[in-house]
Amino acid sequence: MTRIATPAIASATGATAEVYAQIKKAAGSVPNTFATIGAHGPAALKAVLQADGALATGSLSKQDQETIKLVVSKVAGCDYCVAAHSMLGKLTGLPSEVLKQIRAGLPTGDAKRDALVRFVGKLARTSGTISQEEFSSIKAAGYTDAQLVDISLAIAVTVFTNVFNRINDTAIDFPAVA
């Protein structure tokens, strides 16, 4: 059960109403996590959306972005974000079986994606501590320095929403993950 009360989206005013309108225009509705963050911290929600906007124009494909967010969410144990990024991953064209393999930490058959999953999983489990070998491995998989910056940003944004959803126990409003 959600722990932090969220007023009805229709009753929002000011900065919160403006951010909700942007989300509705882009996504068709306001997900529960954004509704709650926006109700109590519109500046925080705006920052998350700006970071996601930076990622959207960055060096990573949408599939890579959702892969990163899914791996981080799985490691964090955030059921809300696992459901969200599984659905969003599917919308980027990642097959259901690949998403299932990513969640399980199994090889997907795509060497570059598997290198990304291993690298991000290691970063998420170790608070960013990696060896030279792990750094060399992600570079050998074809990821650029610019992409390493974007990987770091994707992880940071996802950690924020993971932590918030764990605090709030946000009600999941995405399809169940099989």
N, C-alpha and C. Protein backbone atom coordinates (compact mmCIF):
# COMPACT_ATOMS: atom_id res chain seq x y z
N MET A 1 0.84 -1.18 0.00
CA MET A 1 0.00 0.00 0.00
C MET A 1 0.89 1.24 0.00
N THR A 2 0.54 2.19 -0.84
CA THR A 2 1.29 3.43 -0.93
C THR A 2 1.29 4.14 0.42
N ARG A 3 2.47 4.63 0.82
CA ARG A 3 2.63 5.25 2.13
C ARG A 3 2.45 6.75 2.13
N ILE A 4 2.74 7.40 1.01
CA ILE A 4 2.66 8.86 0.93
C ILE A 4 1.40 9.22 0.14
N ALA A 5 0.54 10.00 0.77
CA ALA A 5 -0.73 10.37 0.13
C ALA A 5 -0.46 11.23 -1.10
N THR A 6 -1.22 10.97 -2.15
CA THR A 6 -1.09 11.72 -3.39
C THR A 6 -2.44 12.34 -3.73
N PRO A 7 -2.51 13.67 -3.74
CA PRO A 7 -3.77 14.31 -4.13
C PRO A 7 -4.14 13.94 -5.57
N ALA A 8 -5.38 14.07 -5.90
CA ALA A 8 -5.84 13.80 -7.26
C ALA A 8 -5.06 14.67 -8.24
N ILE A 9 -4.66 14.08 -9.34
CA ILE A 9 -3.88 14.80 -10.35
C ILE A 9 -4.64 16.02 -10.84
N ALA A 10 -5.95 15.91 -10.97
CA ALA A 10 -6.77 17.01 -11.48
C ALA A 10 -6.76 18.22 -10.54
N SER A 11 -6.42 18.01 -9.27
CA SER A 11 -6.43 19.13 -8.32
C SER A 11 -5.08 19.85 -8.24
N ALA A 12 -4.09 19.39 -9.00
CA ALA A 12 -2.76 20.00 -8.97
C ALA A 12 -2.80 21.42 -9.53
N THR A 13 -1.96 22.26 -8.95
CA THR A 13 -1.85 23.64 -9.41
C THR A 13 -0.37 24.01 -9.56
N GLY A 14 -0.13 25.15 -10.16
CA GLY A 14 1.22 25.69 -10.23
C GLY A 14 2.21 24.78 -10.96
N ALA A 15 3.42 24.69 -10.40
CA ALA A 15 4.51 23.93 -11.02
C ALA A 15 4.14 22.47 -11.17
N THR A 16 3.43 21.92 -10.20
CA THR A 16 3.04 20.51 -10.27
C THR A 16 2.11 20.28 -11.44
N ALA A 17 1.11 21.14 -11.61
CA ALA A 17 0.17 21.00 -12.73
C ALA A 17 0.88 21.10 -14.07
N GLU A 18 1.87 22.01 -14.15
CA GLU A 18 2.62 22.17 -15.40
C GLU A 18 3.40 20.90 -15.75
N VAL A 19 4.05 20.31 -14.75
CA VAL A 19 4.83 19.09 -15.00
C VAL A 19 3.90 17.95 -15.36
N TYR A 20 2.77 17.82 -14.66
CA TYR A 20 1.80 16.77 -14.97
C TYR A 20 1.32 16.91 -16.42
N ALA A 21 1.06 18.15 -16.86
CA ALA A 21 0.58 18.37 -18.23
C ALA A 21 1.62 17.91 -19.24
N GLN A 22 2.90 18.16 -18.96
CA GLN A 22 3.97 17.70 -19.85
C GLN A 22 4.00 16.18 -19.93
N ILE A 23 3.85 15.53 -18.78
CA ILE A 23 3.87 14.06 -18.74
C ILE A 23 2.67 13.51 -19.50
N LYS A 24 1.49 14.05 -19.24
CA LYS A 24 0.29 13.59 -19.93
C LYS A 24 0.43 13.73 -21.45
N LYS A 25 1.00 14.85 -21.89
CA LYS A 25 1.18 15.08 -23.32
C LYS A 25 2.12 14.04 -23.92
N ALA A 26 3.19 13.71 -23.19
CA ALA A 26 4.18 12.76 -23.70
C ALA A 26 3.76 11.31 -23.55
N ALA A 27 3.12 10.97 -22.43
CA ALA A 27 2.85 9.57 -22.12
C ALA A 27 1.37 9.19 -22.10
N GLY A 28 0.49 10.17 -22.12
CA GLY A 28 -0.94 9.88 -22.10
C GLY A 28 -1.54 9.84 -20.71
N SER A 29 -0.71 9.61 -19.70
CA SER A 29 -1.17 9.60 -18.31
C SER A 29 0.03 9.88 -17.40
N VAL A 30 -0.25 10.09 -16.14
CA VAL A 30 0.81 10.35 -15.17
C VAL A 30 0.97 9.10 -14.31
N PRO A 31 2.10 8.39 -14.44
CA PRO A 31 2.32 7.20 -13.62
C PRO A 31 2.31 7.54 -12.12
N ASN A 32 1.93 6.58 -11.31
CA ASN A 32 1.82 6.80 -9.87
C ASN A 32 3.08 7.38 -9.25
N THR A 33 4.24 6.89 -9.65
CA THR A 33 5.47 7.41 -9.05
C THR A 33 5.65 8.88 -9.35
N PHE A 34 5.38 9.30 -10.59
CA PHE A 34 5.52 10.71 -10.95
C PHE A 34 4.44 11.55 -10.27
N ALA A 35 3.25 11.00 -10.11
CA ALA A 35 2.18 11.73 -9.44
C ALA A 35 2.57 12.04 -8.00
N THR A 36 3.13 11.07 -7.31
CA THR A 36 3.49 11.27 -5.92
C THR A 36 4.71 12.19 -5.78
N ILE A 37 5.72 11.95 -6.58
CA ILE A 37 6.90 12.83 -6.53
C ILE A 37 6.47 14.26 -6.85
N GLY A 38 5.69 14.45 -7.89
CA GLY A 38 5.27 15.79 -8.29
C GLY A 38 4.41 16.49 -7.26
N ALA A 39 3.59 15.73 -6.55
CA ALA A 39 2.71 16.33 -5.54
C ALA A 39 3.51 16.89 -4.37
N HIS A 40 4.63 16.26 -4.07
CA HIS A 40 5.40 16.64 -2.88
C HIS A 40 6.75 17.26 -3.20
N GLY A 41 7.20 17.13 -4.42
CA GLY A 41 8.50 17.68 -4.83
C GLY A 41 8.53 17.98 -6.30
N PRO A 42 7.76 18.98 -6.75
CA PRO A 42 7.73 19.25 -8.19
C PRO A 42 9.10 19.53 -8.79
N ALA A 43 10.00 20.15 -8.03
CA ALA A 43 11.34 20.41 -8.55
C ALA A 43 12.10 19.10 -8.76
N ALA A 44 11.91 18.15 -7.86
CA ALA A 44 12.56 16.84 -8.01
C ALA A 44 12.04 16.13 -9.25
N LEU A 45 10.72 16.17 -9.45
CA LEU A 45 10.15 15.53 -10.64
C LEU A 45 10.66 16.20 -11.90
N LYS A 46 10.72 17.51 -11.89
CA LYS A 46 11.23 18.23 -13.06
C LYS A 46 12.68 17.83 -13.34
N ALA A 47 13.48 17.68 -12.29
CA ALA A 47 14.88 17.27 -12.47
C ALA A 47 14.98 15.87 -13.08
N VAL A 48 14.14 14.95 -12.61
CA VAL A 48 14.13 13.59 -13.16
C VAL A 48 13.76 13.64 -14.65
N LEU A 49 12.74 14.40 -14.97
CA LEU A 49 12.31 14.49 -16.36
C LEU A 49 13.36 15.16 -17.24
N GLN A 50 14.06 16.16 -16.70
CA GLN A 50 15.14 16.80 -17.46
C GLN A 50 16.29 15.83 -17.70
N ALA A 51 16.61 15.03 -16.68
CA ALA A 51 17.67 14.02 -16.85
C ALA A 51 17.26 12.99 -17.90
N ASP A 52 16.00 12.56 -17.85
CA ASP A 52 15.53 11.62 -18.87
C ASP A 52 15.56 12.27 -20.26
N GLY A 53 15.26 13.56 -20.32
CA GLY A 53 15.35 14.28 -21.59
C GLY A 53 16.77 14.33 -22.12
N ALA A 54 17.72 14.51 -21.21
CA ALA A 54 19.13 14.51 -21.61
C ALA A 54 19.52 13.14 -22.14
N LEU A 55 19.04 12.10 -21.51
CA LEU A 55 19.32 10.74 -21.98
C LEU A 55 18.71 10.51 -23.36
N ALA A 56 17.51 11.03 -23.56
CA ALA A 56 16.81 10.83 -24.84
C ALA A 56 17.59 11.44 -26.01
N THR A 57 18.35 12.48 -25.74
CA THR A 57 19.13 13.11 -26.81
C THR A 57 20.60 12.73 -26.72
N GLY A 58 20.92 11.79 -25.85
CA GLY A 58 22.30 11.38 -25.63
C GLY A 58 22.77 10.32 -26.59
N SER A 59 23.79 9.61 -26.17
CA SER A 59 24.51 8.68 -27.04
C SER A 59 24.02 7.23 -26.97
N LEU A 60 23.10 6.95 -26.07
CA LEU A 60 22.61 5.57 -25.91
C LEU A 60 21.31 5.36 -26.67
N SER A 61 21.13 4.17 -27.20
CA SER A 61 19.84 3.84 -27.82
C SER A 61 18.78 3.72 -26.74
N LYS A 62 17.53 3.83 -27.14
CA LYS A 62 16.43 3.66 -26.19
C LYS A 62 16.46 2.26 -25.57
N GLN A 63 16.85 1.26 -26.37
CA GLN A 63 16.96 -0.10 -25.83
C GLN A 63 18.05 -0.18 -24.77
N ASP A 64 19.18 0.46 -25.01
CA ASP A 64 20.24 0.48 -24.01
C ASP A 64 19.78 1.20 -22.75
N GLN A 65 19.09 2.32 -22.91
CA GLN A 65 18.59 3.06 -21.74
C GLN A 65 17.67 2.18 -20.90
N GLU A 66 16.74 1.49 -21.54
CA GLU A 66 15.81 0.64 -20.79
C GLU A 66 16.51 -0.58 -20.21
N THR A 67 17.51 -1.09 -20.90
CA THR A 67 18.30 -2.20 -20.35
C THR A 67 18.96 -1.76 -19.05
N ILE A 68 19.58 -0.61 -19.07
CA ILE A 68 20.25 -0.08 -17.87
C ILE A 68 19.25 0.10 -16.74
N LYS A 69 18.15 0.75 -17.02
CA LYS A 69 17.15 1.03 -15.99
C LYS A 69 16.54 -0.25 -15.44
N LEU A 70 16.37 -1.24 -16.29
CA LEU A 70 15.83 -2.53 -15.84
C LEU A 70 16.83 -3.25 -14.94
N VAL A 71 18.09 -3.27 -15.32
CA VAL A 71 19.11 -3.94 -14.51
C VAL A 71 19.23 -3.27 -13.15
N VAL A 72 19.32 -1.95 -13.13
CA VAL A 72 19.45 -1.23 -11.86
C VAL A 72 18.23 -1.50 -10.97
N SER A 73 17.05 -1.47 -11.55
CA SER A 73 15.82 -1.68 -10.80
C SER A 73 15.74 -3.10 -10.24
N LYS A 74 16.18 -4.06 -11.02
CA LYS A 74 16.18 -5.45 -10.56
C LYS A 74 17.15 -5.62 -9.39
N VAL A 75 18.35 -5.07 -9.51
CA VAL A 75 19.34 -5.16 -8.43
C VAL A 75 18.80 -4.48 -7.17
N ALA A 76 18.12 -3.35 -7.33
CA ALA A 76 17.58 -2.60 -6.19
C ALA A 76 16.35 -3.28 -5.57
N GLY A 77 15.74 -4.19 -6.31
CA GLY A 77 14.53 -4.83 -5.81
C GLY A 77 13.31 -3.93 -5.89
N CYS A 78 13.29 -3.01 -6.85
CA CYS A 78 12.16 -2.09 -7.01
C CYS A 78 11.16 -2.71 -8.00
N ASP A 79 10.14 -3.36 -7.46
CA ASP A 79 9.14 -4.01 -8.31
C ASP A 79 8.43 -3.03 -9.23
N TYR A 80 8.18 -1.81 -8.72
CA TYR A 80 7.52 -0.79 -9.54
C TYR A 80 8.36 -0.50 -10.79
N CYS A 81 9.65 -0.21 -10.60
CA CYS A 81 10.51 0.14 -11.73
C CYS A 81 10.80 -1.06 -12.63
N VAL A 82 10.86 -2.25 -12.06
CA VAL A 82 11.03 -3.44 -12.90
C VAL A 82 9.84 -3.57 -13.84
N ALA A 83 8.63 -3.37 -13.33
CA ALA A 83 7.44 -3.44 -14.18
C ALA A 83 7.45 -2.32 -15.22
N ALA A 84 7.79 -1.10 -14.78
CA ALA A 84 7.80 0.04 -15.71
C ALA A 84 8.82 -0.16 -16.82
N HIS A 85 10.04 -0.54 -16.46
CA HIS A 85 11.08 -0.64 -17.48
C HIS A 85 10.96 -1.91 -18.31
N SER A 86 10.27 -2.91 -17.82
CA SER A 86 9.95 -4.07 -18.66
C SER A 86 8.98 -3.65 -19.76
N MET A 87 7.95 -2.89 -19.39
CA MET A 87 6.98 -2.41 -20.38
C MET A 87 7.64 -1.43 -21.34
N LEU A 88 8.40 -0.47 -20.80
CA LEU A 88 9.05 0.51 -21.66
C LEU A 88 10.10 -0.15 -22.56
N GLY A 89 10.78 -1.16 -22.05
CA GLY A 89 11.73 -1.92 -22.86
C GLY A 89 11.03 -2.59 -24.03
N LYS A 90 9.86 -3.14 -23.76
CA LYS A 90 9.08 -3.77 -24.83
C LYS A 90 8.70 -2.73 -25.89
N LEU A 91 8.34 -1.53 -25.43
CA LEU A 91 7.97 -0.47 -26.37
C LEU A 91 9.15 -0.02 -27.23
N THR A 92 10.39 -0.24 -26.77
CA THR A 92 11.56 0.11 -27.59
C THR A 92 11.90 -1.00 -28.59
N GLY A 93 11.18 -2.12 -28.49
CA GLY A 93 11.43 -3.23 -29.41
C GLY A 93 12.19 -4.39 -28.81
N LEU A 94 12.52 -4.31 -27.51
CA LEU A 94 13.16 -5.47 -26.88
C LEU A 94 12.13 -6.58 -26.72
N PRO A 95 12.41 -7.77 -27.24
CA PRO A 95 11.46 -8.87 -27.12
C PRO A 95 11.25 -9.29 -25.66
N SER A 96 10.08 -9.81 -25.37
CA SER A 96 9.74 -10.26 -24.02
C SER A 96 10.77 -11.24 -23.48
N GLU A 97 11.24 -12.15 -24.31
CA GLU A 97 12.22 -13.14 -23.86
C GLU A 97 13.54 -12.48 -23.47
N VAL A 98 13.95 -11.47 -24.21
CA VAL A 98 15.19 -10.75 -23.88
C VAL A 98 15.02 -10.02 -22.55
N LEU A 99 13.88 -9.39 -22.36
CA LEU A 99 13.61 -8.69 -21.09
C LEU A 99 13.64 -9.68 -19.92
N LYS A 100 13.08 -10.84 -20.15
CA LYS A 100 13.09 -11.88 -19.11
C LYS A 100 14.53 -12.31 -18.80
N GLN A 101 15.34 -12.46 -19.84
CA GLN A 101 16.75 -12.84 -19.65
C GLN A 101 17.52 -11.75 -18.93
N ILE A 102 17.26 -10.50 -19.26
CA ILE A 102 17.92 -9.38 -18.57
C ILE A 102 17.56 -9.41 -17.09
N ARG A 103 16.26 -9.57 -16.79
CA ARG A 103 15.83 -9.60 -15.38
C ARG A 103 16.47 -10.75 -14.63
N ALA A 104 16.67 -11.87 -15.31
CA ALA A 104 17.25 -13.06 -14.67
C ALA A 104 18.77 -13.04 -14.67
N GLY A 105 19.37 -12.07 -15.35
CA GLY A 105 20.82 -12.01 -15.44
C GLY A 105 21.40 -13.09 -16.34
N LEU A 106 20.62 -13.53 -17.31
CA LEU A 106 21.05 -14.57 -18.24
C LEU A 106 21.49 -13.95 -19.57
N PRO A 107 22.34 -14.64 -20.32
CA PRO A 107 22.76 -14.12 -21.63
C PRO A 107 21.55 -13.94 -22.55
N THR A 108 21.59 -12.87 -23.34
CA THR A 108 20.50 -12.59 -24.28
C THR A 108 20.83 -13.02 -25.70
N GLY A 109 22.09 -13.39 -25.94
CA GLY A 109 22.52 -13.72 -27.29
C GLY A 109 23.08 -12.54 -28.04
N ASP A 110 23.03 -11.37 -27.44
CA ASP A 110 23.59 -10.14 -28.02
C ASP A 110 24.80 -9.77 -27.16
N ALA A 111 25.99 -9.98 -27.69
CA ALA A 111 27.22 -9.80 -26.89
C ALA A 111 27.34 -8.38 -26.34
N LYS A 112 26.99 -7.38 -27.11
CA LYS A 112 27.11 -6.00 -26.63
C LYS A 112 26.10 -5.74 -25.50
N ARG A 113 24.86 -6.19 -25.67
CA ARG A 113 23.84 -6.00 -24.62
C ARG A 113 24.26 -6.77 -23.36
N ASP A 114 24.78 -7.97 -23.54
CA ASP A 114 25.21 -8.77 -22.38
C ASP A 114 26.35 -8.09 -21.64
N ALA A 115 27.26 -7.45 -22.37
CA ALA A 115 28.35 -6.70 -21.72
C ALA A 115 27.78 -5.53 -20.93
N LEU A 116 26.77 -4.86 -21.49
CA LEU A 116 26.12 -3.75 -20.79
C LEU A 116 25.43 -4.24 -19.52
N VAL A 117 24.72 -5.35 -19.61
CA VAL A 117 24.02 -5.91 -18.45
C VAL A 117 25.03 -6.25 -17.35
N ARG A 118 26.14 -6.89 -17.72
CA ARG A 118 27.16 -7.25 -16.72
C ARG A 118 27.76 -6.01 -16.08
N PHE A 119 28.11 -5.03 -16.91
CA PHE A 119 28.75 -3.81 -16.43
C PHE A 119 27.83 -3.04 -15.49
N VAL A 120 26.60 -2.82 -15.90
CA VAL A 120 25.64 -2.06 -15.08
C VAL A 120 25.30 -2.83 -13.81
N GLY A 121 25.14 -4.14 -13.92
CA GLY A 121 24.88 -4.95 -12.74
C GLY A 121 26.00 -4.83 -11.73
N LYS A 122 27.22 -4.86 -12.22
CA LYS A 122 28.39 -4.72 -11.33
C LYS A 122 28.38 -3.34 -10.68
N LEU A 123 28.15 -2.30 -11.46
CA LEU A 123 28.09 -0.94 -10.91
C LEU A 123 27.00 -0.82 -9.84
N ALA A 124 25.84 -1.39 -10.12
CA ALA A 124 24.72 -1.29 -9.18
C ALA A 124 24.97 -2.07 -7.89
N ARG A 125 25.66 -3.18 -8.00
CA ARG A 125 25.92 -4.01 -6.81
C ARG A 125 27.10 -3.51 -5.98
N THR A 126 27.95 -2.69 -6.58
CA THR A 126 29.18 -2.27 -5.89
C THR A 126 29.28 -0.77 -5.69
N SER A 127 28.19 -0.06 -5.86
CA SER A 127 28.20 1.41 -5.74
C SER A 127 29.21 2.05 -6.68
N GLY A 128 29.41 1.45 -7.82
CA GLY A 128 30.24 2.05 -8.85
C GLY A 128 31.69 1.63 -8.86
N THR A 129 32.07 0.72 -7.99
CA THR A 129 33.46 0.28 -7.95
C THR A 129 33.68 -0.82 -8.98
N ILE A 130 34.58 -0.55 -9.94
CA ILE A 130 34.89 -1.55 -10.97
C ILE A 130 36.40 -1.65 -11.14
N SER A 131 36.82 -2.75 -11.67
CA SER A 131 38.24 -2.98 -11.93
C SER A 131 38.61 -2.44 -13.32
N GLN A 132 39.89 -2.36 -13.56
CA GLN A 132 40.37 -1.97 -14.89
C GLN A 132 39.90 -2.99 -15.92
N GLU A 133 39.87 -4.25 -15.54
CA GLU A 133 39.41 -5.31 -16.45
C GLU A 133 37.95 -5.08 -16.86
N GLU A 134 37.11 -4.72 -15.90
CA GLU A 134 35.70 -4.46 -16.21
C GLU A 134 35.55 -3.22 -17.10
N PHE A 135 36.35 -2.20 -16.83
CA PHE A 135 36.34 -1.01 -17.68
C PHE A 135 36.77 -1.37 -19.10
N SER A 136 37.85 -2.12 -19.21
CA SER A 136 38.34 -2.53 -20.52
C SER A 136 37.32 -3.38 -21.26
N SER A 137 36.59 -4.20 -20.53
CA SER A 137 35.59 -5.08 -21.13
C SER A 137 34.43 -4.29 -21.75
N ILE A 138 33.95 -3.27 -21.05
CA ILE A 138 32.83 -2.50 -21.60
C ILE A 138 33.30 -1.67 -22.80
N LYS A 139 34.53 -1.20 -22.75
CA LYS A 139 35.08 -0.47 -23.90
C LYS A 139 35.25 -1.42 -25.08
N ALA A 140 35.73 -2.64 -24.82
CA ALA A 140 35.92 -3.62 -25.89
C ALA A 140 34.58 -4.02 -26.51
N ALA A 141 33.50 -3.93 -25.74
CA ALA A 141 32.17 -4.25 -26.27
C ALA A 141 31.68 -3.16 -27.22
N GLY A 142 32.38 -2.02 -27.24
CA GLY A 142 32.03 -0.97 -28.19
C GLY A 142 31.41 0.27 -27.58
N TYR A 143 31.36 0.36 -26.26
CA TYR A 143 30.79 1.55 -25.62
C TYR A 143 31.85 2.65 -25.55
N THR A 144 31.42 3.87 -25.91
CA THR A 144 32.31 5.02 -25.98
C THR A 144 32.37 5.74 -24.63
N ASP A 145 33.30 6.68 -24.53
CA ASP A 145 33.37 7.50 -23.31
C ASP A 145 32.08 8.28 -23.11
N ALA A 146 31.53 8.83 -24.19
CA ALA A 146 30.26 9.56 -24.07
C ALA A 146 29.15 8.64 -23.57
N GLN A 147 29.13 7.40 -24.04
CA GLN A 147 28.12 6.45 -23.58
C GLN A 147 28.33 6.09 -22.12
N LEU A 148 29.57 6.06 -21.65
CA LEU A 148 29.82 5.80 -20.23
C LEU A 148 29.26 6.93 -19.37
N VAL A 149 29.32 8.15 -19.86
CA VAL A 149 28.69 9.28 -19.15
C VAL A 149 27.19 9.06 -19.09
N ASP A 150 26.58 8.71 -20.23
CA ASP A 150 25.13 8.50 -20.26
C ASP A 150 24.71 7.28 -19.45
N ILE A 151 25.53 6.24 -19.42
CA ILE A 151 25.25 5.08 -18.56
C ILE A 151 25.20 5.54 -17.11
N SER A 152 26.14 6.37 -16.72
CA SER A 152 26.18 6.88 -15.34
C SER A 152 24.93 7.69 -15.01
N LEU A 153 24.50 8.54 -15.94
CA LEU A 153 23.30 9.34 -15.73
C LEU A 153 22.06 8.46 -15.63
N ALA A 154 21.95 7.47 -16.50
CA ALA A 154 20.80 6.56 -16.46
C ALA A 154 20.74 5.82 -15.12
N ILE A 155 21.88 5.41 -14.62
CA ILE A 155 21.93 4.73 -13.33
C ILE A 155 21.48 5.69 -12.22
N ALA A 156 22.00 6.91 -12.24
CA ALA A 156 21.68 7.88 -11.19
C ALA A 156 20.18 8.18 -11.14
N VAL A 157 19.56 8.42 -12.29
CA VAL A 157 18.12 8.71 -12.33
C VAL A 157 17.33 7.50 -11.83
N THR A 158 17.74 6.32 -12.23
CA THR A 158 17.02 5.11 -11.84
C THR A 158 17.16 4.85 -10.35
N VAL A 159 18.33 5.10 -9.79
CA VAL A 159 18.50 4.92 -8.34
C VAL A 159 17.53 5.84 -7.59
N PHE A 160 17.38 7.08 -8.05
CA PHE A 160 16.44 8.00 -7.38
C PHE A 160 15.03 7.42 -7.37
N THR A 161 14.52 7.01 -8.54
CA THR A 161 13.15 6.50 -8.57
C THR A 161 13.03 5.18 -7.82
N ASN A 162 14.06 4.34 -7.88
CA ASN A 162 14.04 3.09 -7.12
C ASN A 162 13.91 3.38 -5.63
N VAL A 163 14.75 4.26 -5.12
CA VAL A 163 14.73 4.58 -3.69
C VAL A 163 13.39 5.19 -3.30
N PHE A 164 12.90 6.14 -4.10
CA PHE A 164 11.61 6.74 -3.78
C PHE A 164 10.50 5.69 -3.74
N ASN A 165 10.46 4.83 -4.74
CA ASN A 165 9.40 3.82 -4.78
C ASN A 165 9.51 2.83 -3.63
N ARG A 166 10.71 2.55 -3.19
CA ARG A 166 10.89 1.66 -2.04
C ARG A 166 10.42 2.35 -0.76
N ILE A 167 10.70 3.65 -0.62
CA ILE A 167 10.21 4.41 0.54
C ILE A 167 8.70 4.45 0.53
N ASN A 168 8.12 4.78 -0.62
CA ASN A 168 6.68 4.99 -0.75
C ASN A 168 5.88 3.71 -0.87
N ASP A 169 6.51 2.63 -1.31
CA ASP A 169 5.80 1.40 -1.66
C ASP A 169 4.72 1.73 -2.69
N THR A 170 5.16 2.41 -3.73
CA THR A 170 4.27 2.92 -4.78
C THR A 170 3.46 1.79 -5.40
N ALA A 171 2.16 2.03 -5.53
CA ALA A 171 1.27 1.07 -6.17
C ALA A 171 1.65 0.96 -7.64
N ILE A 172 1.85 -0.27 -8.11
CA ILE A 172 2.28 -0.51 -9.49
C ILE A 172 1.11 -0.31 -10.44
N ASP A 173 1.31 0.57 -11.41
CA ASP A 173 0.29 0.84 -12.41
C ASP A 173 0.77 0.50 -13.83
N PHE A 174 1.64 -0.49 -13.91
CA PHE A 174 2.15 -1.02 -15.17
C PHE A 174 1.76 -2.49 -15.24
N PRO A 175 1.79 -3.10 -16.43
CA PRO A 175 1.44 -4.52 -16.53
C PRO A 175 2.37 -5.37 -15.66
N ALA A 176 1.81 -6.44 -15.12
CA ALA A 176 2.58 -7.37 -14.29
C ALA A 176 3.70 -7.98 -15.12
N VAL A 177 4.81 -8.23 -14.45
CA VAL A 177 5.96 -8.86 -15.11
C VAL A 177 5.84 -10.36 -14.95
N ALA A 178 5.94 -11.07 -16.08
CA ALA A 178 5.79 -12.53 -16.04
C ALA A 178 7.13 -13.19 -15.87
